[in-house]
Amino acid sequence: MGNAVHTVDVLDGSTKGMSDRLQVGVLTAVANVIGGSAGAAVVTAVAFVKPVALPYSVQVTTGQDAVAFVSGKTEAGFNVTLRPRLAADTLAVGTMDILVIK
């Protein structure tokens, strides 16, 4: 196992979630459904096991040629919308990795 990290420097001008800690959550292989037709977007609801106070940031990495965006953030979770990058493409059943930082 690597070395523990004990210091986090917050860049000037950044919003601090908490002054004494950094919280990170990683969700791997979150399933998304198949798109209904060419260019159709799909929405996946992501729920937290325990509530997470706002604000938090979300980064999504898809396993296919799609654009991801996050909406509807609450303390209980959020929605991830995947849209094919090209209008002629249809989303396949797949997975995405999600990083939540507070």
PDB file of N, CA and C in Angstrom:
ATOM      1  N   MET A   1       0.844  -1.171   0.000  1.00  0.00           N
ATOM      2  CA  MET A   1       0.000   0.000   0.000  1.00  0.00           C
ATOM      3  C   MET A   1       0.887   1.231   0.000  1.00  0.00           C
ATOM      4  N   GLY A   2       0.453   2.290  -0.660  1.00  0.00           N
ATOM      5  CA  GLY A   2       1.224   3.525  -0.765  1.00  0.00           C
ATOM      6  C   GLY A   2       1.278   4.299   0.537  1.00  0.00           C
ATOM      7  N   ASN A   3       1.924   5.425   0.483  1.00  0.00           N
ATOM      8  CA  ASN A   3       2.040   6.292   1.650  1.00  0.00           C
ATOM      9  C   ASN A   3       0.752   7.067   1.875  1.00  0.00           C
ATOM     10  N   ALA A   4       0.403   7.274   3.133  1.00  0.00           N
ATOM     11  CA  ALA A   4      -0.788   8.060   3.476  1.00  0.00           C
ATOM     12  C   ALA A   4      -0.521   9.526   3.174  1.00  0.00           C
ATOM     13  N   VAL A   5      -1.550  10.218   2.739  1.00  0.00           N
ATOM     14  CA  VAL A   5      -1.459  11.654   2.473  1.00  0.00           C
ATOM     15  C   VAL A   5      -2.110  12.388   3.627  1.00  0.00           C
ATOM     16  N   HIS A   6      -1.387  13.357   4.190  1.00  0.00           N
ATOM     17  CA  HIS A   6      -1.904  14.058   5.359  1.00  0.00           C
ATOM     18  C   HIS A   6      -2.204  15.526   5.119  1.00  0.00           C
ATOM     19  N   THR A   7      -1.861  16.065   3.982  1.00  0.00           N
ATOM     20  CA  THR A   7      -2.074  17.482   3.725  1.00  0.00           C
ATOM     21  C   THR A   7      -2.775  17.650   2.388  1.00  0.00           C
ATOM     22  N   VAL A   8      -3.801  18.478   2.386  1.00  0.00           N
ATOM     23  CA  VAL A   8      -4.476  18.846   1.151  1.00  0.00           C
ATOM     24  C   VAL A   8      -4.480  20.361   1.091  1.00  0.00           C
ATOM     25  N   ASP A   9      -3.887  20.919   0.062  1.00  0.00           N
ATOM     26  CA  ASP A   9      -3.899  22.363  -0.128  1.00  0.00           C
ATOM     27  C   ASP A   9      -5.068  22.713  -1.029  1.00  0.00           C
ATOM     28  N   VAL A  10      -5.893  23.647  -0.566  1.00  0.00           N
ATOM     29  CA  VAL A  10      -7.033  24.109  -1.347  1.00  0.00           C
ATOM     30  C   VAL A  10      -6.592  25.357  -2.107  1.00  0.00           C
ATOM     31  N   LEU A  11      -6.782  25.355  -3.421  1.00  0.00           N
ATOM     32  CA  LEU A  11      -6.364  26.476  -4.250  1.00  0.00           C
ATOM     33  C   LEU A  11      -7.125  27.741  -3.880  1.00  0.00           C
ATOM     34  N   ASP A  12      -6.446  28.881  -3.926  1.00  0.00           N
ATOM     35  CA  ASP A  12      -7.093  30.164  -3.653  1.00  0.00           C
ATOM     36  C   ASP A  12      -8.282  30.356  -4.581  1.00  0.00           C
ATOM     37  N   GLY A  13      -9.378  30.829  -4.030  1.00  0.00           N
ATOM     38  CA  GLY A  13     -10.588  31.057  -4.811  1.00  0.00           C
ATOM     39  C   GLY A  13     -11.510  29.862  -4.881  1.00  0.00           C
ATOM     40  N   SER A  14     -11.058  28.703  -4.371  1.00  0.00           N
ATOM     41  CA  SER A  14     -11.888  27.495  -4.399  1.00  0.00           C
ATOM     42  C   SER A  14     -12.917  27.534  -3.279  1.00  0.00           C
ATOM     43  N   THR A  15     -14.009  26.811  -3.476  1.00  0.00           N
ATOM     44  CA  THR A  15     -15.017  26.652  -2.446  1.00  0.00           C
ATOM     45  C   THR A  15     -14.634  25.466  -1.579  1.00  0.00           C
ATOM     46  N   LYS A  16     -14.562  25.683  -0.291  1.00  0.00           N
ATOM     47  CA  LYS A  16     -14.220  24.598   0.625  1.00  0.00           C
ATOM     48  C   LYS A  16     -15.506  23.931   1.102  1.00  0.00           C
ATOM     49  N   GLY A  17     -15.573  22.615   0.972  1.00  0.00           N
ATOM     50  CA  GLY A  17     -16.724  21.886   1.476  1.00  0.00           C
ATOM     51  C   GLY A  17     -16.687  21.784   2.991  1.00  0.00           C
ATOM     52  N   MET A  18     -15.549  21.437   3.517  1.00  0.00           N
ATOM     53  CA  MET A  18     -15.313  21.334   4.958  1.00  0.00           C
ATOM     54  C   MET A  18     -13.892  21.822   5.186  1.00  0.00           C
ATOM     55  N   SER A  19     -13.644  22.456   6.301  1.00  0.00           N
ATOM     56  CA  SER A  19     -12.322  23.017   6.524  1.00  0.00           C
ATOM     57  C   SER A  19     -11.308  21.995   7.026  1.00  0.00           C
ATOM     58  N   ASP A  20     -11.756  20.842   7.519  1.00  0.00           N
ATOM     59  CA  ASP A  20     -10.818  19.907   8.117  1.00  0.00           C
ATOM     60  C   ASP A  20     -10.694  18.575   7.386  1.00  0.00           C
ATOM     61  N   ARG A  21     -11.371  18.408   6.264  1.00  0.00           N
ATOM     62  CA  ARG A  21     -11.280  17.111   5.583  1.00  0.00           C
ATOM     63  C   ARG A  21     -11.736  17.212   4.126  1.00  0.00           C
ATOM     64  N   LEU A  22     -11.308  16.239   3.374  1.00  0.00           N
ATOM     65  CA  LEU A  22     -11.712  16.076   1.988  1.00  0.00           C
ATOM     66  C   LEU A  22     -12.415  14.734   1.908  1.00  0.00           C
ATOM     67  N   GLN A  23     -13.617  14.703   1.354  1.00  0.00           N
ATOM     68  CA  GLN A  23     -14.354  13.453   1.224  1.00  0.00           C
ATOM     69  C   GLN A  23     -14.379  13.043  -0.240  1.00  0.00           C
ATOM     70  N   VAL A  24     -14.110  11.766  -0.482  1.00  0.00           N
ATOM     71  CA  VAL A  24     -14.067  11.241  -1.843  1.00  0.00           C
ATOM     72  C   VAL A  24     -14.852   9.942  -1.889  1.00  0.00           C
ATOM     73  N   GLY A  25     -15.675   9.790  -2.904  1.00  0.00           N
ATOM     74  CA  GLY A  25     -16.400   8.544  -3.124  1.00  0.00           C
ATOM     75  C   GLY A  25     -16.177   8.077  -4.552  1.00  0.00           C
ATOM     76  N   VAL A  26     -15.951   6.792  -4.734  1.00  0.00           N
ATOM     77  CA  VAL A  26     -15.726   6.221  -6.062  1.00  0.00           C
ATOM     78  C   VAL A  26     -16.747   5.118  -6.295  1.00  0.00           C
ATOM     79  N   LEU A  27     -17.470   5.222  -7.391  1.00  0.00           N
ATOM     80  CA  LEU A  27     -18.418   4.190  -7.802  1.00  0.00           C
ATOM     81  C   LEU A  27     -17.933   3.667  -9.145  1.00  0.00           C
ATOM     82  N   THR A  28     -17.585   2.389  -9.209  1.00  0.00           N
ATOM     83  CA  THR A  28     -17.101   1.825 -10.467  1.00  0.00           C
ATOM     84  C   THR A  28     -18.159   0.913 -11.070  1.00  0.00           C
ATOM     85  N   ALA A  29     -18.146   0.855 -12.386  1.00  0.00           N
ATOM     86  CA  ALA A  29     -19.026  -0.028 -13.152  1.00  0.00           C
ATOM     87  C   ALA A  29     -20.504   0.184 -12.833  1.00  0.00           C
ATOM     88  N   VAL A  30     -20.923   1.455 -12.789  1.00  0.00           N
ATOM     89  CA  VAL A  30     -22.348   1.775 -12.615  1.00  0.00           C
ATOM     90  C   VAL A  30     -23.025   1.530 -13.964  1.00  0.00           C
ATOM     91  N   ALA A  31     -24.041   0.686 -13.983  1.00  0.00           N
ATOM     92  CA  ALA A  31     -24.681   0.281 -15.240  1.00  0.00           C
ATOM     93  C   ALA A  31     -25.580   1.381 -15.803  1.00  0.00           C
ATOM     94  N   ASN A  32     -25.550   1.512 -17.135  1.00  0.00           N
ATOM     95  CA  ASN A  32     -26.517   2.362 -17.832  1.00  0.00           C
ATOM     96  C   ASN A  32     -27.319   1.487 -18.799  1.00  0.00           C
ATOM     97  N   VAL A  33     -28.534   1.916 -19.087  1.00  0.00           N
ATOM     98  CA  VAL A  33     -29.405   1.153 -19.978  1.00  0.00           C
ATOM     99  C   VAL A  33     -29.094   1.489 -21.433  1.00  0.00           C
ATOM    100  N   ILE A  34     -29.654   0.716 -22.331  1.00  0.00           N
ATOM    101  CA  ILE A  34     -29.463   0.936 -23.765  1.00  0.00           C
ATOM    102  C   ILE A  34     -30.308   2.131 -24.219  1.00  0.00           C
ATOM    103  N   GLY A  35     -29.795   2.868 -25.199  1.00  0.00           N
ATOM    104  CA  GLY A  35     -30.552   3.976 -25.771  1.00  0.00           C
ATOM    105  C   GLY A  35     -31.700   3.455 -26.618  1.00  0.00           C
ATOM    106  N   GLY A  36     -32.791   4.198 -26.666  1.00  0.00           N
ATOM    107  CA  GLY A  36     -33.975   3.758 -27.393  1.00  0.00           C
ATOM    108  C   GLY A  36     -33.865   3.897 -28.896  1.00  0.00           C
ATOM    109  N   SER A  37     -33.033   4.825 -29.363  1.00  0.00           N
ATOM    110  CA  SER A  37     -32.881   5.056 -30.797  1.00  0.00           C
ATOM    111  C   SER A  37     -31.635   5.900 -31.024  1.00  0.00           C
ATOM    112  N   ALA A  38     -31.313   6.143 -32.279  1.00  0.00           N
ATOM    113  CA  ALA A  38     -30.141   6.949 -32.613  1.00  0.00           C
ATOM    114  C   ALA A  38     -30.260   8.333 -31.982  1.00  0.00           C
ATOM    115  N   GLY A  39     -29.218   8.742 -31.292  1.00  0.00           N
ATOM    116  CA  GLY A  39     -29.186  10.063 -30.674  1.00  0.00           C
ATOM    117  C   GLY A  39     -29.915  10.188 -29.355  1.00  0.00           C
ATOM    118  N   ALA A  40     -30.621   9.148 -28.929  1.00  0.00           N
ATOM    119  CA  ALA A  40     -31.418   9.222 -27.698  1.00  0.00           C
ATOM    120  C   ALA A  40     -30.522   9.156 -26.465  1.00  0.00           C
ATOM    121  N   ALA A  41     -30.837   9.997 -25.489  1.00  0.00           N
ATOM    122  CA  ALA A  41     -30.105  10.020 -24.223  1.00  0.00           C
ATOM    123  C   ALA A  41     -30.729   9.043 -23.242  1.00  0.00           C
ATOM    124  N   VAL A  42     -29.931   8.604 -22.268  1.00  0.00           N
ATOM    125  CA  VAL A  42     -30.439   7.773 -21.180  1.00  0.00           C
ATOM    126  C   VAL A  42     -30.063   8.440 -19.864  1.00  0.00           C
ATOM    127  N   VAL A  43     -30.908   8.268 -18.854  1.00  0.00           N
ATOM    128  CA  VAL A  43     -30.673   8.862 -17.536  1.00  0.00           C
ATOM    129  C   VAL A  43     -30.557   7.739 -16.516  1.00  0.00           C
ATOM    130  N   THR A  44     -29.506   7.828 -15.687  1.00  0.00           N
ATOM    131  CA  THR A  44     -29.285   6.868 -14.616  1.00  0.00           C
ATOM    132  C   THR A  44     -29.306   7.607 -13.291  1.00  0.00           C
ATOM    133  N   ALA A  45     -30.167   7.186 -12.372  1.00  0.00           N
ATOM    134  CA  ALA A  45     -30.220   7.776 -11.035  1.00  0.00           C
ATOM    135  C   ALA A  45     -29.148   7.120 -10.174  1.00  0.00           C
ATOM    136  N   VAL A  46     -28.393   7.941  -9.448  1.00  0.00           N
ATOM    137  CA  VAL A  46     -27.350   7.454  -8.546  1.00  0.00           C
ATOM    138  C   VAL A  46     -27.724   7.911  -7.138  1.00  0.00           C
ATOM    139  N   ALA A  47     -27.834   6.968  -6.212  1.00  0.00           N
ATOM    140  CA  ALA A  47     -28.222   7.284  -4.834  1.00  0.00           C
ATOM    141  C   ALA A  47     -27.052   7.016  -3.891  1.00  0.00           C
ATOM    142  N   PHE A  48     -26.917   7.861  -2.876  1.00  0.00           N
ATOM    143  CA  PHE A  48     -25.912   7.660  -1.842  1.00  0.00           C
ATOM    144  C   PHE A  48     -26.452   6.724  -0.776  1.00  0.00           C
ATOM    145  N   VAL A  49     -25.559   5.976  -0.140  1.00  0.00           N
ATOM    146  CA  VAL A  49     -25.948   5.128   0.985  1.00  0.00           C
ATOM    147  C   VAL A  49     -26.304   5.998   2.182  1.00  0.00           C
ATOM    148  N   LYS A  50     -25.487   7.045   2.425  1.00  0.00           N
ATOM    149  CA  LYS A  50     -25.760   8.040   3.470  1.00  0.00           C
ATOM    150  C   LYS A  50     -25.859   9.395   2.793  1.00  0.00           C
ATOM    151  N   PRO A  51     -26.672  10.310   3.304  1.00  0.00           N
ATOM    152  CA  PRO A  51     -26.767  11.635   2.696  1.00  0.00           C
ATOM    153  C   PRO A  51     -25.415  12.349   2.645  1.00  0.00           C
ATOM    154  N   VAL A  52     -25.204  13.117   1.584  1.00  0.00           N
ATOM    155  CA  VAL A  52     -23.999  13.920   1.407  1.00  0.00           C
ATOM    156  C   VAL A  52     -24.445  15.371   1.277  1.00  0.00           C
ATOM    157  N   ALA A  53     -23.965  16.217   2.179  1.00  0.00           N
ATOM    158  CA  ALA A  53     -24.368  17.622   2.160  1.00  0.00           C
ATOM    159  C   ALA A  53     -23.874  18.307   0.892  1.00  0.00           C
ATOM    160  N   LEU A  54     -24.692  19.194   0.374  1.00  0.00           N
ATOM    161  CA  LEU A  54     -24.299  20.009  -0.773  1.00  0.00           C
ATOM    162  C   LEU A  54     -23.331  21.080  -0.290  1.00  0.00           C
ATOM    163  N   PRO A  55     -22.443  21.588  -1.086  1.00  0.00           N
ATOM    164  CA  PRO A  55     -22.164  21.229  -2.474  1.00  0.00           C
ATOM    165  C   PRO A  55     -21.154  20.088  -2.562  1.00  0.00           C
ATOM    166  N   TYR A  56     -21.192  19.367  -3.668  1.00  0.00           N
ATOM    167  CA  TYR A  56     -20.188  18.357  -3.992  1.00  0.00           C
ATOM    168  C   TYR A  56     -20.005  18.363  -5.503  1.00  0.00           C
ATOM    169  N   SER A  57     -18.909  17.811  -5.953  1.00  0.00           N
ATOM    170  CA  SER A  57     -18.606  17.747  -7.384  1.00  0.00           C
ATOM    171  C   SER A  57     -18.667  16.302  -7.843  1.00  0.00           C
ATOM    172  N   VAL A  58     -19.041  16.115  -9.109  1.00  0.00           N
ATOM    173  CA  VAL A  58     -19.153  14.773  -9.679  1.00  0.00           C
ATOM    174  C   VAL A  58     -18.399  14.739 -11.010  1.00  0.00           C
ATOM    175  N   GLN A  59     -17.586  13.697 -11.195  1.00  0.00           N
ATOM    176  CA  GLN A  59     -16.915  13.464 -12.468  1.00  0.00           C
ATOM    177  C   GLN A  59     -17.340  12.096 -12.971  1.00  0.00           C
ATOM    178  N   VAL A  60     -17.737  12.030 -14.235  1.00  0.00           N
ATOM    179  CA  VAL A  60     -18.216  10.774 -14.828  1.00  0.00           C
ATOM    180  C   VAL A  60     -17.306  10.394 -15.996  1.00  0.00           C
ATOM    181  N   THR A  61     -16.877   9.133 -16.014  1.00  0.00           N
ATOM    182  CA  THR A  61     -16.117   8.587 -17.128  1.00  0.00           C
ATOM    183  C   THR A  61     -16.952   7.467 -17.735  1.00  0.00           C
ATOM    184  N   THR A  62     -17.308   7.614 -18.997  1.00  0.00           N
ATOM    185  CA  THR A  62     -18.150   6.618 -19.652  1.00  0.00           C
ATOM    186  C   THR A  62     -17.295   5.550 -20.322  1.00  0.00           C
ATOM    187  N   GLY A  63     -17.896   4.410 -20.565  1.00  0.00           N
ATOM    188  CA  GLY A  63     -17.216   3.326 -21.259  1.00  0.00           C
ATOM    189  C   GLY A  63     -17.542   3.298 -22.740  1.00  0.00           C
ATOM    190  N   GLN A  64     -18.136   4.377 -23.256  1.00  0.00           N
ATOM    191  CA  GLN A  64     -18.477   4.426 -24.672  1.00  0.00           C
ATOM    192  C   GLN A  64     -18.424   5.861 -25.170  1.00  0.00           C
ATOM    193  N   ASP A  65     -18.617   6.048 -26.465  1.00  0.00           N
ATOM    194  CA  ASP A  65     -18.508   7.373 -27.082  1.00  0.00           C
ATOM    195  C   ASP A  65     -19.759   8.184 -26.770  1.00  0.00           C
ATOM    196  N   ALA A  66     -19.770   8.782 -25.581  1.00  0.00           N
ATOM    197  CA  ALA A  66     -20.940   9.525 -25.128  1.00  0.00           C
ATOM    198  C   ALA A  66     -20.498  10.719 -24.296  1.00  0.00           C
ATOM    199  N   VAL A  67     -21.370  11.693 -24.222  1.00  0.00           N
ATOM    200  CA  VAL A  67     -21.164  12.859 -23.379  1.00  0.00           C
ATOM    201  C   VAL A  67     -22.011  12.658 -22.130  1.00  0.00           C
ATOM    202  N   ALA A  68     -21.418  12.913 -20.960  1.00  0.00           N
ATOM    203  CA  ALA A  68     -22.140  12.735 -19.697  1.00  0.00           C
ATOM    204  C   ALA A  68     -22.320  14.080 -19.016  1.00  0.00           C
ATOM    205  N   PHE A  69     -23.493  14.284 -18.410  1.00  0.00           N
ATOM    206  CA  PHE A  69     -23.665  15.446 -17.554  1.00  0.00           C
ATOM    207  C   PHE A  69     -24.523  15.073 -16.365  1.00  0.00           C
ATOM    208  N   VAL A  70     -24.342  15.826 -15.282  1.00  0.00           N
ATOM    209  CA  VAL A  70     -24.982  15.538 -13.999  1.00  0.00           C
ATOM    210  C   VAL A  70     -26.036  16.602 -13.738  1.00  0.00           C
ATOM    211  N   SER A  71     -27.191  16.171 -13.245  1.00  0.00           N
ATOM    212  CA  SER A  71     -28.261  17.114 -12.896  1.00  0.00           C
ATOM    213  C   SER A  71     -28.982  16.620 -11.650  1.00  0.00           C
ATOM    214  N   GLY A  72     -29.805  17.483 -11.091  1.00  0.00           N
ATOM    215  CA  GLY A  72     -30.653  17.090  -9.969  1.00  0.00           C
ATOM    216  C   GLY A  72     -29.898  16.696  -8.719  1.00  0.00           C
ATOM    217  N   LYS A  73     -28.760  17.369  -8.441  1.00  0.00           N
ATOM    218  CA  LYS A  73     -27.980  17.007  -7.253  1.00  0.00           C
ATOM    219  C   LYS A  73     -28.754  17.353  -5.983  1.00  0.00           C
ATOM    220  N   THR A  74     -28.870  16.364  -5.098  1.00  0.00           N
ATOM    221  CA  THR A  74     -29.463  16.544  -3.783  1.00  0.00           C
ATOM    222  C   THR A  74     -28.567  15.848  -2.773  1.00  0.00           C
ATOM    223  N   GLU A  75     -28.919  15.923  -1.511  1.00  0.00           N
ATOM    224  CA  GLU A  75     -28.155  15.217  -0.485  1.00  0.00           C
ATOM    225  C   GLU A  75     -28.312  13.703  -0.613  1.00  0.00           C
ATOM    226  N   ALA A  76     -29.347  13.250  -1.320  1.00  0.00           N
ATOM    227  CA  ALA A  76     -29.619  11.820  -1.486  1.00  0.00           C
ATOM    228  C   ALA A  76     -28.954  11.219  -2.717  1.00  0.00           C
ATOM    229  N   GLY A  77     -28.553  12.059  -3.694  1.00  0.00           N
ATOM    230  CA  GLY A  77     -27.941  11.541  -4.914  1.00  0.00           C
ATOM    231  C   GLY A  77     -28.092  12.506  -6.068  1.00  0.00           C
ATOM    232  N   PHE A  78     -28.013  11.982  -7.288  1.00  0.00           N
ATOM    233  CA  PHE A  78     -28.049  12.825  -8.486  1.00  0.00           C
ATOM    234  C   PHE A  78     -28.395  11.963  -9.694  1.00  0.00           C
ATOM    235  N   ASN A  79     -28.599  12.600 -10.842  1.00  0.00           N
ATOM    236  CA  ASN A  79     -28.861  11.904 -12.104  1.00  0.00           C
ATOM    237  C   ASN A  79     -27.693  12.107 -13.052  1.00  0.00           C
ATOM    238  N   VAL A  80     -27.330  11.060 -13.773  1.00  0.00           N
ATOM    239  CA  VAL A  80     -26.326  11.150 -14.831  1.00  0.00           C
ATOM    240  C   VAL A  80     -27.038  10.912 -16.152  1.00  0.00           C
ATOM    241  N   THR A  81     -26.929  11.872 -17.062  1.00  0.00           N
ATOM    242  CA  THR A  81     -27.492  11.728 -18.400  1.00  0.00           C
ATOM    243  C   THR A  81     -26.356  11.441 -19.366  1.00  0.00           C
ATOM    244  N   LEU A  82     -26.507  10.377 -20.137  1.00  0.00           N
ATOM    245  CA  LEU A  82     -25.556  10.047 -21.201  1.00  0.00           C
ATOM    246  C   LEU A  82     -26.228  10.310 -22.539  1.00  0.00           C
ATOM    247  N   ARG A  83     -25.518  11.002 -23.399  1.00  0.00           N
ATOM    248  CA  ARG A  83     -26.031  11.289 -24.740  1.00  0.00           C
ATOM    249  C   ARG A  83     -24.944  10.878 -25.731  1.00  0.00           C
ATOM    250  N   PRO A  84     -25.303  10.152 -26.800  1.00  0.00           N
ATOM    251  CA  PRO A  84     -24.291   9.788 -27.798  1.00  0.00           C
ATOM    252  C   PRO A  84     -23.617  11.047 -28.342  1.00  0.00           C
ATOM    253  N   ARG A  85     -22.319  10.984 -28.546  1.00  0.00           N
ATOM    254  CA  ARG A  85     -21.601  12.143 -29.079  1.00  0.00           C
ATOM    255  C   ARG A  85     -22.052  12.462 -30.498  1.00  0.00           C
ATOM    256  N   LEU A  86     -22.360  11.436 -31.268  1.00  0.00           N
ATOM    257  CA  LEU A  86     -22.847  11.629 -32.637  1.00  0.00           C
ATOM    258  C   LEU A  86     -24.331  11.287 -32.692  1.00  0.00           C
ATOM    259  N   ALA A  87     -25.117  12.124 -33.350  1.00  0.00           N
ATOM    260  CA  ALA A  87     -26.575  11.942 -33.403  1.00  0.00           C
ATOM    261  C   ALA A  87     -26.984  10.626 -34.067  1.00  0.00           C
ATOM    262  N   ALA A  88     -26.140  10.059 -34.908  1.00  0.00           N
ATOM    263  CA  ALA A  88     -26.474   8.803 -35.603  1.00  0.00           C
ATOM    264  C   ALA A  88     -26.210   7.575 -34.731  1.00  0.00           C
ATOM    265  N   ASP A  89     -25.528   7.754 -33.589  1.00  0.00           N
ATOM    266  CA  ASP A  89     -25.173   6.620 -32.728  1.00  0.00           C
ATOM    267  C   ASP A  89     -26.276   6.313 -31.726  1.00  0.00           C
ATOM    268  N   THR A  90     -26.344   5.047 -31.328  1.00  0.00           N
ATOM    269  CA  THR A  90     -27.251   4.598 -30.267  1.00  0.00           C
ATOM    270  C   THR A  90     -26.408   4.090 -29.115  1.00  0.00           C
ATOM    271  N   LEU A  91     -26.773   4.495 -27.898  1.00  0.00           N
ATOM    272  CA  LEU A  91     -26.033   4.042 -26.721  1.00  0.00           C
ATOM    273  C   LEU A  91     -26.235   2.555 -26.496  1.00  0.00           C
ATOM    274  N   ALA A  92     -25.170   1.881 -26.128  1.00  0.00           N
ATOM    275  CA  ALA A  92     -25.225   0.461 -25.802  1.00  0.00           C
ATOM    276  C   ALA A  92     -25.368   0.301 -24.295  1.00  0.00           C
ATOM    277  N   VAL A  93     -25.779  -0.888 -23.869  1.00  0.00           N
ATOM    278  CA  VAL A  93     -25.734  -1.198 -22.442  1.00  0.00           C
ATOM    279  C   VAL A  93     -24.267  -1.120 -22.054  1.00  0.00           C
ATOM    280  N   GLY A  94     -23.976  -0.459 -20.969  1.00  0.00           N
ATOM    281  CA  GLY A  94     -22.580  -0.304 -20.579  1.00  0.00           C
ATOM    282  C   GLY A  94     -22.449   0.136 -19.150  1.00  0.00           C
ATOM    283  N   THR A  95     -21.256   0.602 -18.817  1.00  0.00           N
ATOM    284  CA  THR A  95     -20.997   1.056 -17.466  1.00  0.00           C
ATOM    285  C   THR A  95     -20.266   2.396 -17.495  1.00  0.00           C
ATOM    286  N   MET A  96     -20.281   3.058 -16.350  1.00  0.00           N
ATOM    287  CA  MET A  96     -19.543   4.306 -16.175  1.00  0.00           C
ATOM    288  C   MET A  96     -18.935   4.308 -14.784  1.00  0.00           C
ATOM    289  N   ASP A  97     -17.848   5.026 -14.639  1.00  0.00           N
ATOM    290  CA  ASP A  97     -17.198   5.203 -13.348  1.00  0.00           C
ATOM    291  C   ASP A  97     -17.495   6.627 -12.874  1.00  0.00           C
ATOM    292  N   ILE A  98     -17.760   6.762 -11.583  1.00  0.00           N
ATOM    293  CA  ILE A  98     -18.166   8.050 -11.029  1.00  0.00           C
ATOM    294  C   ILE A  98     -17.289   8.386  -9.827  1.00  0.00           C
ATOM    295  N   LEU A  99     -16.794   9.622  -9.813  1.00  0.00           N
ATOM    296  CA  LEU A  99     -15.995  10.151  -8.708  1.00  0.00           C
ATOM    297  C   LEU A  99     -16.758  11.316  -8.092  1.00  0.00           C
ATOM    298  N   VAL A 100     -16.994  11.237  -6.787  1.00  0.00           N
ATOM    299  CA  VAL A 100     -17.678  12.312  -6.055  1.00  0.00           C
ATOM    300  C   VAL A 100     -16.667  12.914  -5.084  1.00  0.00           C
ATOM    301  N   ILE A 101     -16.542  14.228  -5.119  1.00  0.00           N
ATOM    302  CA  ILE A 101     -15.604  14.936  -4.233  1.00  0.00           C
ATOM    303  C   ILE A 101     -16.360  15.995  -3.454  1.00  0.00           C
ATOM    304  N   LYS A 102     -16.130  16.004  -2.158  1.00  0.00           N
ATOM    305  CA  LYS A 102     -16.781  16.966  -1.260  1.00  0.00           C
ATOM    306  C   LYS A 102     -15.704  17.677  -0.497  1.00  0.00           C
TER     307      LYS A 102
END
